[in-house]
């Protein structure tokens, strides 16, 4: 008899868990951040269908209120993030290595965005695109190819109060660049959690110094 009661209680517990999982599709955190919409459309968007970067959700929550409309942003890699940045800062320059993606994304960008295509097989061409203007940047986003190289050269074009942002910073292959920035006196904050279309942990990291433009 006791065994039958235990089996019944186990079934009820699993049923309750199943109902809880079903309810997540209609209310709660994942609905509020647009995770289900992103998974359905297979692109990073918010609950209203607007483009968002493919960064960790904790990082997006942190940074949005800290952005200013006079910030100048350089972005290694392009996509929905480019559109998202452009709506919140003064100007964005992006470099993209994938030619077909470059053609697609460059057809639908606002006036405050400049995007260029550079081959990834030449570090000087892609990595050092940041030097092809006189601009010093408030934020440098490293979310494309050759990330260790990009991290190393980016600080030469960073404003004194500028911040470097590395996406997928938990990956082993980027630790060379992480160690380089730390050796140059940068502190870091990891924002780890889920991202759009992902059900695993990912990290987006800010590298900063004292009196930085994000007031960290």
N, C-alpha and C. Protein backbone atom coordinates (compact mmCIF):
# COMPACT_ATOMS: atom_id res chain seq x y z
N UNK A 1 0.83 -1.20 0.00
CA UNK A 1 0.00 0.00 0.00
C UNK A 1 0.88 1.27 0.00
N UNK A 2 1.90 1.24 0.88
CA UNK A 2 2.81 2.39 0.95
C UNK A 2 3.50 2.61 -0.39
N UNK A 3 3.88 1.51 -1.04
CA UNK A 3 4.54 1.60 -2.35
C UNK A 3 3.62 2.23 -3.38
N UNK A 4 2.34 1.87 -3.38
CA UNK A 4 1.38 2.44 -4.33
C UNK A 4 1.20 3.93 -4.09
N UNK A 5 1.18 4.33 -2.82
CA UNK A 5 1.04 5.75 -2.49
C UNK A 5 2.25 6.52 -2.99
N UNK A 6 3.43 5.94 -2.81
CA UNK A 6 4.66 6.60 -3.28
C UNK A 6 4.66 6.76 -4.79
N UNK A 7 4.19 5.74 -5.50
CA UNK A 7 4.10 5.82 -6.97
C UNK A 7 3.13 6.90 -7.38
N UNK A 8 1.98 6.97 -6.69
CA UNK A 8 0.95 7.97 -7.00
C UNK A 8 1.49 9.38 -6.75
N UNK A 9 2.17 9.56 -5.62
CA UNK A 9 2.74 10.87 -5.31
C UNK A 9 3.79 11.27 -6.34
N UNK A 10 4.58 10.29 -6.79
CA UNK A 10 5.58 10.57 -7.81
C UNK A 10 4.95 11.02 -9.12
N UNK A 11 3.85 10.36 -9.50
CA UNK A 11 3.14 10.75 -10.72
C UNK A 11 2.58 12.16 -10.61
N UNK A 12 1.99 12.47 -9.45
CA UNK A 12 1.42 13.80 -9.23
C UNK A 12 2.51 14.88 -9.29
N UNK A 13 3.67 14.56 -8.71
CA UNK A 13 4.78 15.51 -8.71
C UNK A 13 5.26 15.78 -10.13
N UNK A 14 5.39 14.71 -10.93
CA UNK A 14 5.84 14.88 -12.31
C UNK A 14 4.81 15.65 -13.13
N UNK A 15 3.52 15.40 -12.86
CA UNK A 15 2.45 16.12 -13.57
C UNK A 15 2.49 17.61 -13.24
N UNK A 16 2.73 17.92 -11.95
CA UNK A 16 2.81 19.32 -11.54
C UNK A 16 3.99 20.00 -12.21
N UNK A 17 5.12 19.30 -12.28
CA UNK A 17 6.29 19.86 -12.97
C UNK A 17 6.02 20.09 -14.44
N UNK A 18 5.30 19.15 -15.06
CA UNK A 18 4.98 19.27 -16.48
C UNK A 18 4.08 20.49 -16.73
N UNK A 19 3.10 20.68 -15.85
CA UNK A 19 2.21 21.85 -15.99
C UNK A 19 2.99 23.15 -15.79
N UNK A 20 3.94 23.15 -14.86
CA UNK A 20 4.77 24.33 -14.65
C UNK A 20 5.58 24.66 -15.89
N UNK A 21 6.16 23.63 -16.51
CA UNK A 21 6.94 23.85 -17.73
C UNK A 21 6.06 24.41 -18.85
N UNK A 22 4.84 23.88 -18.97
CA UNK A 22 3.93 24.38 -20.00
C UNK A 22 3.57 25.83 -19.75
N UNK A 23 3.43 26.22 -18.49
CA UNK A 23 3.04 27.60 -18.17
C UNK A 23 4.12 28.60 -18.55
N UNK A 24 5.39 28.16 -18.61
CA UNK A 24 6.48 29.06 -18.95
C UNK A 24 6.35 29.62 -20.36
N UNK A 25 5.63 28.93 -21.21
CA UNK A 25 5.43 29.38 -22.59
C UNK A 25 4.52 30.60 -22.67
N UNK A 26 3.76 30.85 -21.59
CA UNK A 26 2.74 31.90 -21.64
C UNK A 26 3.00 33.03 -20.65
N UNK A 27 3.83 32.80 -19.65
CA UNK A 27 4.11 33.88 -18.70
C UNK A 27 5.46 33.61 -18.02
N UNK A 28 6.01 34.70 -17.46
CA UNK A 28 7.27 34.55 -16.75
C UNK A 28 8.44 35.20 -17.47
N UNK A 29 9.62 34.98 -16.93
CA UNK A 29 10.84 35.65 -17.39
C UNK A 29 11.14 35.40 -18.86
N UNK A 30 11.05 34.14 -19.29
CA UNK A 30 11.41 33.81 -20.67
C UNK A 30 10.49 34.49 -21.68
N UNK A 31 9.23 34.68 -21.30
CA UNK A 31 8.29 35.42 -22.16
C UNK A 31 8.66 36.89 -22.17
N UNK A 32 8.94 37.45 -20.98
CA UNK A 32 9.24 38.87 -20.86
C UNK A 32 10.47 39.28 -21.67
N UNK A 33 11.48 38.42 -21.75
CA UNK A 33 12.70 38.78 -22.49
C UNK A 33 12.64 38.38 -23.96
N UNK A 34 11.57 37.71 -24.35
CA UNK A 34 11.42 37.36 -25.77
C UNK A 34 12.13 36.09 -26.18
N UNK A 35 12.51 35.26 -25.20
CA UNK A 35 13.26 34.05 -25.53
C UNK A 35 12.47 33.12 -26.45
N UNK A 36 11.19 32.95 -26.17
CA UNK A 36 10.37 32.06 -27.00
C UNK A 36 10.21 32.62 -28.41
N UNK A 37 10.03 33.93 -28.53
CA UNK A 37 9.92 34.54 -29.86
C UNK A 37 11.21 34.34 -30.66
N UNK A 38 12.35 34.52 -29.99
CA UNK A 38 13.64 34.31 -30.67
C UNK A 38 13.78 32.87 -31.14
N UNK A 39 13.40 31.92 -30.27
CA UNK A 39 13.51 30.51 -30.62
C UNK A 39 12.59 30.17 -31.80
N UNK A 40 11.42 30.78 -31.81
CA UNK A 40 10.44 30.51 -32.89
C UNK A 40 10.91 31.08 -34.22
N UNK A 41 11.41 32.32 -34.20
CA UNK A 41 11.83 33.00 -35.43
C UNK A 41 13.27 32.68 -35.84
N UNK A 42 14.03 32.09 -34.88
CA UNK A 42 15.44 31.75 -35.11
C UNK A 42 16.31 32.98 -35.39
N UNK A 43 15.95 34.09 -34.75
CA UNK A 43 16.76 35.31 -34.77
C UNK A 43 16.64 35.97 -33.39
N UNK A 44 17.67 36.69 -32.95
CA UNK A 44 17.58 37.35 -31.65
C UNK A 44 16.66 38.58 -31.69
N UNK A 45 15.52 38.49 -31.03
CA UNK A 45 14.55 39.57 -30.97
C UNK A 45 13.97 39.63 -29.56
N UNK A 46 13.34 40.76 -29.22
CA UNK A 46 12.69 40.88 -27.93
C UNK A 46 11.24 40.43 -28.03
N UNK A 47 10.47 40.61 -26.96
CA UNK A 47 9.10 40.11 -26.95
C UNK A 47 8.20 40.85 -27.95
N UNK A 48 8.64 42.04 -28.39
CA UNK A 48 7.87 42.80 -29.38
C UNK A 48 8.37 42.59 -30.80
N UNK A 49 9.31 41.67 -30.97
CA UNK A 49 9.83 41.37 -32.30
C UNK A 49 10.92 42.30 -32.77
N UNK A 50 11.45 43.16 -31.87
CA UNK A 50 12.51 44.09 -32.24
C UNK A 50 13.87 43.41 -32.11
N UNK A 51 14.83 43.75 -33.00
CA UNK A 51 16.14 43.09 -32.97
C UNK A 51 16.91 43.40 -31.69
N UNK A 52 17.59 42.39 -31.18
CA UNK A 52 18.49 42.56 -30.04
C UNK A 52 19.81 41.86 -30.35
N UNK A 53 20.87 42.25 -29.67
CA UNK A 53 22.14 41.54 -29.88
C UNK A 53 22.06 40.12 -29.32
N UNK A 54 22.91 39.27 -29.84
CA UNK A 54 22.98 37.88 -29.38
C UNK A 54 23.98 37.78 -28.23
N UNK A 55 23.79 38.63 -27.22
CA UNK A 55 24.61 38.61 -26.02
C UNK A 55 23.82 37.92 -24.91
N UNK A 56 24.43 37.80 -23.74
CA UNK A 56 23.68 37.23 -22.62
C UNK A 56 22.62 38.24 -22.16
N UNK A 57 21.48 37.73 -21.74
CA UNK A 57 20.41 38.61 -21.27
C UNK A 57 20.84 39.45 -20.06
N UNK A 58 21.60 38.91 -19.10
CA UNK A 58 22.04 39.76 -17.99
C UNK A 58 22.86 40.97 -18.45
N UNK A 59 23.69 40.79 -19.49
CA UNK A 59 24.47 41.92 -20.00
C UNK A 59 23.55 42.97 -20.61
N UNK A 60 22.57 42.55 -21.40
CA UNK A 60 21.65 43.51 -22.02
C UNK A 60 20.90 44.31 -20.96
N UNK A 61 20.47 43.64 -19.90
CA UNK A 61 19.77 44.33 -18.81
C UNK A 61 20.68 45.36 -18.16
N UNK A 62 21.96 45.01 -18.04
CA UNK A 62 22.91 45.90 -17.38
C UNK A 62 23.21 47.14 -18.22
N UNK A 63 23.47 46.96 -19.50
CA UNK A 63 24.07 48.06 -20.27
C UNK A 63 23.07 49.06 -20.84
N UNK A 64 21.86 48.65 -21.11
CA UNK A 64 20.96 49.52 -21.88
C UNK A 64 20.77 50.88 -21.21
N UNK A 65 20.56 50.90 -19.92
CA UNK A 65 20.31 52.17 -19.23
C UNK A 65 21.57 53.04 -19.12
N UNK A 66 22.74 52.47 -19.42
CA UNK A 66 24.00 53.20 -19.27
C UNK A 66 24.49 53.82 -20.58
N UNK A 67 23.81 53.53 -21.68
CA UNK A 67 24.25 54.04 -22.98
C UNK A 67 23.84 55.50 -23.15
N UNK A 68 24.65 56.23 -23.91
CA UNK A 68 24.38 57.65 -24.18
C UNK A 68 24.34 57.87 -25.69
N UNK A 69 23.55 58.85 -26.08
CA UNK A 69 23.33 59.04 -27.53
C UNK A 69 24.50 59.70 -28.24
N UNK A 70 25.58 60.00 -27.51
CA UNK A 70 26.77 60.54 -28.17
C UNK A 70 27.92 59.51 -28.21
N UNK A 71 27.66 58.28 -27.75
CA UNK A 71 28.70 57.25 -27.78
C UNK A 71 29.05 56.89 -29.22
N UNK A 72 30.35 56.62 -29.43
CA UNK A 72 30.82 56.11 -30.71
C UNK A 72 31.25 54.66 -30.50
N UNK A 73 30.69 53.79 -31.32
CA UNK A 73 30.86 52.34 -31.13
C UNK A 73 31.55 51.74 -32.34
N UNK A 74 32.53 50.87 -32.08
CA UNK A 74 33.12 50.05 -33.14
C UNK A 74 32.75 48.60 -32.84
N UNK A 75 32.30 47.90 -33.88
CA UNK A 75 31.80 46.54 -33.70
C UNK A 75 32.51 45.57 -34.65
N UNK A 76 33.19 44.58 -34.07
CA UNK A 76 33.72 43.47 -34.85
C UNK A 76 32.62 42.42 -34.96
N UNK A 77 32.10 42.23 -36.18
CA UNK A 77 30.93 41.40 -36.38
C UNK A 77 29.71 42.30 -36.48
N UNK A 78 28.70 41.85 -37.21
CA UNK A 78 27.51 42.69 -37.41
C UNK A 78 26.26 41.82 -37.42
N UNK A 79 25.12 42.49 -37.32
CA UNK A 79 23.86 41.76 -37.33
C UNK A 79 22.78 42.55 -36.62
N UNK A 80 21.87 41.85 -35.92
CA UNK A 80 20.84 42.54 -35.15
C UNK A 80 21.46 43.47 -34.12
N UNK A 81 22.64 43.12 -33.64
CA UNK A 81 23.32 43.97 -32.67
C UNK A 81 23.60 45.35 -33.25
N UNK A 82 23.99 45.39 -34.52
CA UNK A 82 24.32 46.66 -35.16
C UNK A 82 23.11 47.60 -35.17
N UNK A 83 21.96 47.04 -35.49
CA UNK A 83 20.72 47.82 -35.49
C UNK A 83 20.38 48.28 -34.08
N UNK A 84 20.56 47.38 -33.12
CA UNK A 84 20.26 47.68 -31.72
C UNK A 84 21.14 48.81 -31.21
N UNK A 85 22.46 48.73 -31.47
CA UNK A 85 23.36 49.79 -31.04
C UNK A 85 22.99 51.12 -31.69
N UNK A 86 22.69 51.09 -32.97
CA UNK A 86 22.43 52.32 -33.72
C UNK A 86 21.26 53.11 -33.15
N UNK A 87 20.30 52.42 -32.57
CA UNK A 87 19.13 53.09 -31.98
C UNK A 87 19.45 53.76 -30.65
N UNK A 88 20.61 53.45 -30.07
CA UNK A 88 20.90 53.88 -28.71
C UNK A 88 22.15 54.74 -28.57
N UNK A 89 22.97 54.80 -29.62
CA UNK A 89 24.22 55.57 -29.53
C UNK A 89 24.32 56.53 -30.71
N UNK A 90 25.40 57.33 -30.71
CA UNK A 90 25.55 58.33 -31.77
C UNK A 90 25.94 57.76 -33.11
N UNK A 91 26.91 56.84 -33.11
CA UNK A 91 27.37 56.26 -34.38
C UNK A 91 27.93 54.87 -34.14
N UNK A 92 27.87 54.06 -35.19
CA UNK A 92 28.37 52.69 -35.15
C UNK A 92 29.16 52.44 -36.42
N UNK A 93 30.37 51.90 -36.26
CA UNK A 93 31.09 51.36 -37.41
C UNK A 93 31.29 49.88 -37.15
N UNK A 94 30.97 49.05 -38.15
CA UNK A 94 31.09 47.60 -38.01
C UNK A 94 31.93 47.04 -39.15
N UNK A 95 32.70 46.01 -38.84
CA UNK A 95 33.44 45.28 -39.87
C UNK A 95 32.92 43.85 -39.89
N UNK A 96 32.65 43.34 -41.08
CA UNK A 96 32.05 42.02 -41.25
C UNK A 96 32.89 41.20 -42.24
N UNK A 97 33.19 39.96 -41.89
CA UNK A 97 34.03 39.13 -42.76
C UNK A 97 33.24 38.29 -43.75
N UNK A 98 31.97 38.01 -43.43
CA UNK A 98 31.14 37.14 -44.28
C UNK A 98 30.46 37.99 -45.35
N UNK A 99 30.83 37.80 -46.61
CA UNK A 99 30.36 38.68 -47.68
C UNK A 99 28.85 38.59 -47.89
N UNK A 100 28.30 37.39 -47.89
CA UNK A 100 26.85 37.27 -48.11
C UNK A 100 26.08 37.90 -46.96
N UNK A 101 26.57 37.73 -45.72
CA UNK A 101 25.90 38.34 -44.57
C UNK A 101 26.06 39.87 -44.61
N UNK A 102 27.24 40.33 -45.05
CA UNK A 102 27.48 41.76 -45.20
C UNK A 102 26.47 42.38 -46.17
N UNK A 103 26.25 41.71 -47.29
CA UNK A 103 25.30 42.24 -48.28
C UNK A 103 23.88 42.28 -47.72
N UNK A 104 23.54 41.26 -46.96
CA UNK A 104 22.19 41.20 -46.39
C UNK A 104 21.97 42.27 -45.34
N UNK A 105 22.91 42.37 -44.40
CA UNK A 105 22.72 43.30 -43.28
C UNK A 105 22.88 44.75 -43.71
N UNK A 106 23.73 45.02 -44.69
CA UNK A 106 24.00 46.41 -45.09
C UNK A 106 22.85 47.02 -45.88
N UNK A 107 21.89 46.21 -46.30
CA UNK A 107 20.75 46.73 -47.06
C UNK A 107 19.67 47.33 -46.18
N UNK A 108 19.81 47.22 -44.86
CA UNK A 108 18.74 47.67 -43.98
C UNK A 108 19.32 48.31 -42.72
N UNK A 109 20.15 49.34 -42.90
CA UNK A 109 20.79 49.98 -41.77
C UNK A 109 20.48 51.47 -41.72
N UNK A 110 20.39 52.05 -40.53
CA UNK A 110 20.14 53.49 -40.41
C UNK A 110 21.35 54.32 -40.82
N UNK A 111 21.15 55.64 -40.90
CA UNK A 111 22.18 56.53 -41.41
C UNK A 111 23.40 56.65 -40.51
N UNK A 112 23.27 56.35 -39.24
CA UNK A 112 24.41 56.52 -38.33
C UNK A 112 25.28 55.27 -38.25
N UNK A 113 25.13 54.36 -39.22
CA UNK A 113 25.92 53.12 -39.26
C UNK A 113 26.78 53.10 -40.52
N UNK A 114 28.04 52.75 -40.33
CA UNK A 114 28.93 52.45 -41.46
C UNK A 114 29.39 51.00 -41.29
N UNK A 115 29.24 50.22 -42.34
CA UNK A 115 29.67 48.83 -42.28
C UNK A 115 30.57 48.53 -43.47
N UNK A 116 31.66 47.81 -43.22
CA UNK A 116 32.60 47.47 -44.28
C UNK A 116 32.86 45.96 -44.27
N UNK A 117 33.20 45.44 -45.43
CA UNK A 117 33.55 44.02 -45.54
C UNK A 117 35.05 43.89 -45.63
N UNK A 118 35.60 43.01 -44.79
CA UNK A 118 37.03 42.72 -44.84
C UNK A 118 37.23 41.21 -44.72
N UNK A 119 38.15 40.67 -45.50
CA UNK A 119 38.43 39.24 -45.47
C UNK A 119 39.02 38.82 -44.12
N UNK A 120 38.62 37.64 -43.67
CA UNK A 120 39.10 37.15 -42.39
C UNK A 120 40.44 36.44 -42.49
N UNK A 121 40.88 36.14 -43.70
CA UNK A 121 42.15 35.41 -43.83
C UNK A 121 43.37 36.31 -43.70
N UNK A 122 43.13 37.58 -43.47
CA UNK A 122 44.23 38.53 -43.31
C UNK A 122 43.97 39.35 -42.05
N UNK A 123 44.73 39.09 -40.99
CA UNK A 123 44.51 39.80 -39.74
C UNK A 123 44.66 41.30 -39.89
N UNK A 124 45.59 41.72 -40.74
CA UNK A 124 45.80 43.15 -40.91
C UNK A 124 44.57 43.81 -41.51
N UNK A 125 43.90 43.09 -42.41
CA UNK A 125 42.75 43.69 -43.09
C UNK A 125 41.53 43.75 -42.17
N UNK A 126 41.22 42.65 -41.49
CA UNK A 126 40.02 42.60 -40.65
C UNK A 126 40.28 43.24 -39.29
N UNK A 127 41.28 42.74 -38.59
CA UNK A 127 41.57 43.17 -37.23
C UNK A 127 41.85 44.66 -37.14
N UNK A 128 42.61 45.16 -38.10
CA UNK A 128 43.08 46.53 -38.03
C UNK A 128 42.18 47.52 -38.77
N UNK A 129 40.99 47.08 -39.15
CA UNK A 129 40.04 48.00 -39.76
C UNK A 129 39.71 49.16 -38.83
N UNK A 130 39.82 48.93 -37.55
CA UNK A 130 39.51 49.97 -36.57
C UNK A 130 40.40 51.20 -36.72
N UNK A 131 41.56 51.02 -37.35
CA UNK A 131 42.49 52.14 -37.54
C UNK A 131 42.19 52.96 -38.79
N UNK A 132 41.22 52.52 -39.58
CA UNK A 132 40.95 53.20 -40.85
C UNK A 132 40.02 54.40 -40.70
N UNK A 133 40.10 55.06 -39.57
CA UNK A 133 39.43 56.34 -39.36
C UNK A 133 40.15 57.04 -38.21
N UNK A 134 39.87 58.32 -38.04
CA UNK A 134 40.49 59.09 -36.96
C UNK A 134 39.71 58.99 -35.65
N UNK A 135 38.63 58.26 -35.65
CA UNK A 135 37.75 58.19 -34.49
C UNK A 135 38.37 57.41 -33.34
N UNK A 136 38.21 57.93 -32.13
CA UNK A 136 38.47 57.19 -30.91
C UNK A 136 37.10 56.73 -30.38
N UNK A 137 37.01 55.49 -29.94
CA UNK A 137 35.70 54.91 -29.64
C UNK A 137 35.44 54.79 -28.15
N UNK A 138 34.17 54.98 -27.80
CA UNK A 138 33.73 54.81 -26.41
C UNK A 138 33.56 53.33 -26.07
N UNK A 139 33.05 52.58 -27.03
CA UNK A 139 32.83 51.15 -26.84
C UNK A 139 33.38 50.40 -28.04
N UNK A 140 34.10 49.33 -27.78
CA UNK A 140 34.52 48.41 -28.85
C UNK A 140 33.92 47.05 -28.52
N UNK A 141 33.14 46.52 -29.46
CA UNK A 141 32.47 45.24 -29.28
C UNK A 141 33.21 44.18 -30.09
N UNK A 142 33.66 43.13 -29.42
CA UNK A 142 34.40 42.06 -30.11
C UNK A 142 33.50 40.83 -30.13
N UNK A 143 32.92 40.59 -31.33
CA UNK A 143 31.93 39.51 -31.46
C UNK A 143 31.98 38.92 -32.87
N UNK A 144 33.18 38.94 -33.46
CA UNK A 144 33.32 38.40 -34.80
C UNK A 144 34.41 37.34 -34.83
N UNK A 145 35.26 37.39 -35.84
CA UNK A 145 36.38 36.44 -35.95
C UNK A 145 37.65 37.08 -35.39
N UNK A 146 38.72 36.27 -35.29
CA UNK A 146 40.04 36.77 -34.86
C UNK A 146 39.95 37.59 -33.57
N UNK A 147 39.22 37.07 -32.60
CA UNK A 147 38.89 37.88 -31.43
C UNK A 147 40.10 38.25 -30.57
N UNK A 148 41.06 37.36 -30.45
CA UNK A 148 42.24 37.70 -29.65
C UNK A 148 42.99 38.87 -30.26
N UNK A 149 43.15 38.85 -31.57
CA UNK A 149 43.81 39.96 -32.27
C UNK A 149 43.00 41.25 -32.09
N UNK A 150 41.69 41.15 -32.24
CA UNK A 150 40.82 42.33 -32.13
C UNK A 150 40.90 42.94 -30.73
N UNK A 151 40.93 42.09 -29.71
CA UNK A 151 41.03 42.58 -28.34
C UNK A 151 42.35 43.34 -28.14
N UNK A 152 43.41 42.84 -28.73
CA UNK A 152 44.72 43.46 -28.53
C UNK A 152 44.84 44.81 -29.21
N UNK A 153 44.30 44.94 -30.44
CA UNK A 153 44.46 46.21 -31.15
C UNK A 153 43.40 47.23 -30.73
N UNK A 154 42.28 46.77 -30.19
CA UNK A 154 41.16 47.67 -29.91
C UNK A 154 41.51 48.77 -28.92
N UNK A 155 42.38 48.46 -27.94
CA UNK A 155 42.65 49.44 -26.90
C UNK A 155 43.42 50.64 -27.42
N UNK A 156 44.05 50.49 -28.60
CA UNK A 156 44.78 51.62 -29.19
C UNK A 156 43.83 52.66 -29.77
N UNK A 157 42.58 52.27 -30.00
CA UNK A 157 41.59 53.20 -30.54
C UNK A 157 40.45 53.46 -29.55
N UNK A 158 40.70 53.15 -28.29
CA UNK A 158 39.70 53.32 -27.25
C UNK A 158 39.91 54.66 -26.55
N UNK A 159 38.83 55.39 -26.31
CA UNK A 159 38.92 56.59 -25.50
C UNK A 159 39.47 56.27 -24.12
N UNK A 160 39.97 57.29 -23.44
CA UNK A 160 40.56 57.09 -22.11
C UNK A 160 39.55 56.45 -21.15
N UNK A 161 38.27 56.77 -21.33
CA UNK A 161 37.22 56.21 -20.46
C UNK A 161 36.43 55.10 -21.17
N UNK A 162 36.99 54.57 -22.27
CA UNK A 162 36.28 53.59 -23.07
C UNK A 162 36.23 52.20 -22.45
N UNK A 163 35.33 51.38 -22.99
CA UNK A 163 35.08 50.03 -22.48
C UNK A 163 35.12 49.04 -23.65
N UNK A 164 35.77 47.91 -23.42
CA UNK A 164 35.80 46.82 -24.41
C UNK A 164 34.80 45.75 -23.97
N UNK A 165 34.04 45.23 -24.91
CA UNK A 165 33.03 44.21 -24.62
C UNK A 165 33.32 42.97 -25.46
N UNK A 166 33.47 41.85 -24.80
CA UNK A 166 33.74 40.58 -25.47
C UNK A 166 32.57 39.63 -25.25
N UNK A 167 31.99 39.15 -26.33
CA UNK A 167 30.92 38.16 -26.21
C UNK A 167 31.50 36.75 -26.24
N UNK A 168 30.77 35.81 -25.65
CA UNK A 168 31.22 34.41 -25.53
C UNK A 168 32.57 34.32 -24.83
N UNK A 169 32.74 35.13 -23.82
CA UNK A 169 34.04 35.25 -23.15
C UNK A 169 34.42 34.02 -22.34
N UNK A 170 33.47 33.09 -22.16
CA UNK A 170 33.78 31.87 -21.42
C UNK A 170 34.59 30.87 -22.26
N UNK A 171 34.67 31.09 -23.57
CA UNK A 171 35.33 30.12 -24.44
C UNK A 171 36.85 30.13 -24.24
N UNK A 172 37.42 28.95 -24.21
CA UNK A 172 38.85 28.79 -23.94
C UNK A 172 39.71 29.51 -24.97
N UNK A 173 39.26 29.51 -26.22
CA UNK A 173 40.10 30.07 -27.29
C UNK A 173 40.27 31.59 -27.19
N UNK A 174 39.47 32.26 -26.34
CA UNK A 174 39.59 33.71 -26.21
C UNK A 174 40.36 34.14 -24.97
N UNK A 175 40.85 33.19 -24.20
CA UNK A 175 41.50 33.55 -22.94
C UNK A 175 42.83 34.28 -23.14
N UNK A 176 43.46 34.08 -24.27
CA UNK A 176 44.68 34.84 -24.57
C UNK A 176 44.38 36.33 -24.59
N UNK A 177 43.30 36.70 -25.26
CA UNK A 177 42.90 38.11 -25.32
C UNK A 177 42.46 38.64 -23.97
N UNK A 178 41.75 37.81 -23.21
CA UNK A 178 41.32 38.21 -21.87
C UNK A 178 42.53 38.51 -20.99
N UNK A 179 43.50 37.61 -21.01
CA UNK A 179 44.71 37.80 -20.20
C UNK A 179 45.47 39.07 -20.64
N UNK A 180 45.48 39.34 -21.94
CA UNK A 180 46.16 40.53 -22.44
C UNK A 180 45.54 41.79 -21.86
N UNK A 181 44.21 41.90 -21.90
CA UNK A 181 43.55 43.10 -21.38
C UNK A 181 43.79 43.27 -19.88
N UNK A 182 43.74 42.18 -19.15
CA UNK A 182 44.01 42.25 -17.71
C UNK A 182 45.44 42.71 -17.45
N UNK A 183 46.38 42.25 -18.29
CA UNK A 183 47.78 42.66 -18.12
C UNK A 183 47.96 44.15 -18.40
N UNK A 184 47.03 44.74 -19.15
CA UNK A 184 47.08 46.17 -19.46
C UNK A 184 46.30 47.01 -18.45
N UNK A 185 45.90 46.40 -17.36
CA UNK A 185 45.26 47.15 -16.28
C UNK A 185 43.74 47.20 -16.33
N UNK A 186 43.13 46.43 -17.23
CA UNK A 186 41.67 46.41 -17.29
C UNK A 186 41.11 45.47 -16.22
N UNK A 187 40.02 45.90 -15.62
CA UNK A 187 39.23 45.02 -14.76
C UNK A 187 38.12 44.43 -15.62
N UNK A 188 37.47 43.39 -15.11
CA UNK A 188 36.40 42.79 -15.92
C UNK A 188 35.21 42.39 -15.05
N UNK A 189 34.05 42.45 -15.69
CA UNK A 189 32.82 41.94 -15.09
C UNK A 189 32.20 40.98 -16.09
N UNK A 190 31.93 39.76 -15.66
CA UNK A 190 31.27 38.75 -16.49
C UNK A 190 29.77 38.79 -16.26
N UNK A 191 29.01 38.85 -17.34
CA UNK A 191 27.56 38.77 -17.26
C UNK A 191 27.14 37.45 -17.91
N UNK A 192 26.88 36.47 -17.07
CA UNK A 192 26.63 35.12 -17.55
C UNK A 192 25.16 34.75 -17.39
N UNK A 193 24.66 33.99 -18.32
CA UNK A 193 23.27 33.54 -18.29
C UNK A 193 22.85 33.08 -19.67
N UNK A 194 21.57 32.98 -19.86
CA UNK A 194 21.04 32.57 -21.16
C UNK A 194 21.13 33.72 -22.15
N UNK A 195 21.16 33.36 -23.42
CA UNK A 195 21.04 34.33 -24.49
C UNK A 195 19.90 33.91 -25.41
N UNK A 196 19.56 34.75 -26.37
CA UNK A 196 18.48 34.43 -27.31
C UNK A 196 18.76 33.10 -28.01
N UNK A 197 17.76 32.25 -28.09
CA UNK A 197 17.82 30.96 -28.78
C UNK A 197 18.76 29.96 -28.10
N UNK A 198 19.23 30.27 -26.90
CA UNK A 198 20.15 29.38 -26.20
C UNK A 198 19.53 28.90 -24.90
N UNK A 199 19.81 27.65 -24.56
CA UNK A 199 19.33 27.13 -23.28
C UNK A 199 20.50 26.75 -22.38
N UNK A 200 21.67 27.32 -22.68
CA UNK A 200 22.87 27.04 -21.88
C UNK A 200 23.48 28.37 -21.43
N UNK A 201 24.45 28.26 -20.55
CA UNK A 201 25.10 29.44 -19.99
C UNK A 201 26.10 30.03 -20.98
N UNK A 202 26.05 31.35 -21.16
CA UNK A 202 27.02 32.04 -21.98
C UNK A 202 27.40 33.33 -21.27
N UNK A 203 28.56 33.87 -21.58
CA UNK A 203 29.02 35.08 -20.89
C UNK A 203 29.35 36.20 -21.87
N UNK A 204 28.97 37.41 -21.49
CA UNK A 204 29.41 38.62 -22.16
C UNK A 204 30.15 39.44 -21.12
N UNK A 205 31.35 39.91 -21.44
CA UNK A 205 32.21 40.52 -20.44
C UNK A 205 32.57 41.96 -20.80
N UNK A 206 32.52 42.84 -19.80
CA UNK A 206 32.98 44.22 -19.93
C UNK A 206 34.40 44.34 -19.36
N UNK A 207 35.29 44.97 -20.12
CA UNK A 207 36.63 45.28 -19.65
C UNK A 207 36.73 46.79 -19.51
N UNK A 208 37.12 47.26 -18.35
CA UNK A 208 37.03 48.69 -18.05
C UNK A 208 38.15 49.12 -17.12
N UNK A 209 38.35 50.43 -17.04
CA UNK A 209 39.25 51.03 -16.06
C UNK A 209 38.45 52.02 -15.22
N UNK A 210 39.12 52.66 -14.27
CA UNK A 210 38.44 53.63 -13.42
C UNK A 210 37.88 54.78 -14.26
N UNK A 211 36.78 55.39 -13.76
CA UNK A 211 36.17 56.55 -14.41
C UNK A 211 35.81 56.26 -15.86
N UNK A 212 35.19 55.13 -16.10
CA UNK A 212 34.83 54.73 -17.46
C UNK A 212 33.47 55.30 -17.86
N UNK A 213 33.19 55.23 -19.15
CA UNK A 213 31.98 55.87 -19.70
C UNK A 213 30.69 55.17 -19.29
N UNK A 214 30.77 53.95 -18.77
CA UNK A 214 29.58 53.24 -18.32
C UNK A 214 29.36 53.40 -16.81
N UNK A 215 30.24 54.12 -16.15
CA UNK A 215 30.15 54.34 -14.70
C UNK A 215 30.13 53.02 -13.92
N UNK A 216 30.98 52.12 -14.31
CA UNK A 216 31.10 50.85 -13.58
C UNK A 216 31.97 51.08 -12.34
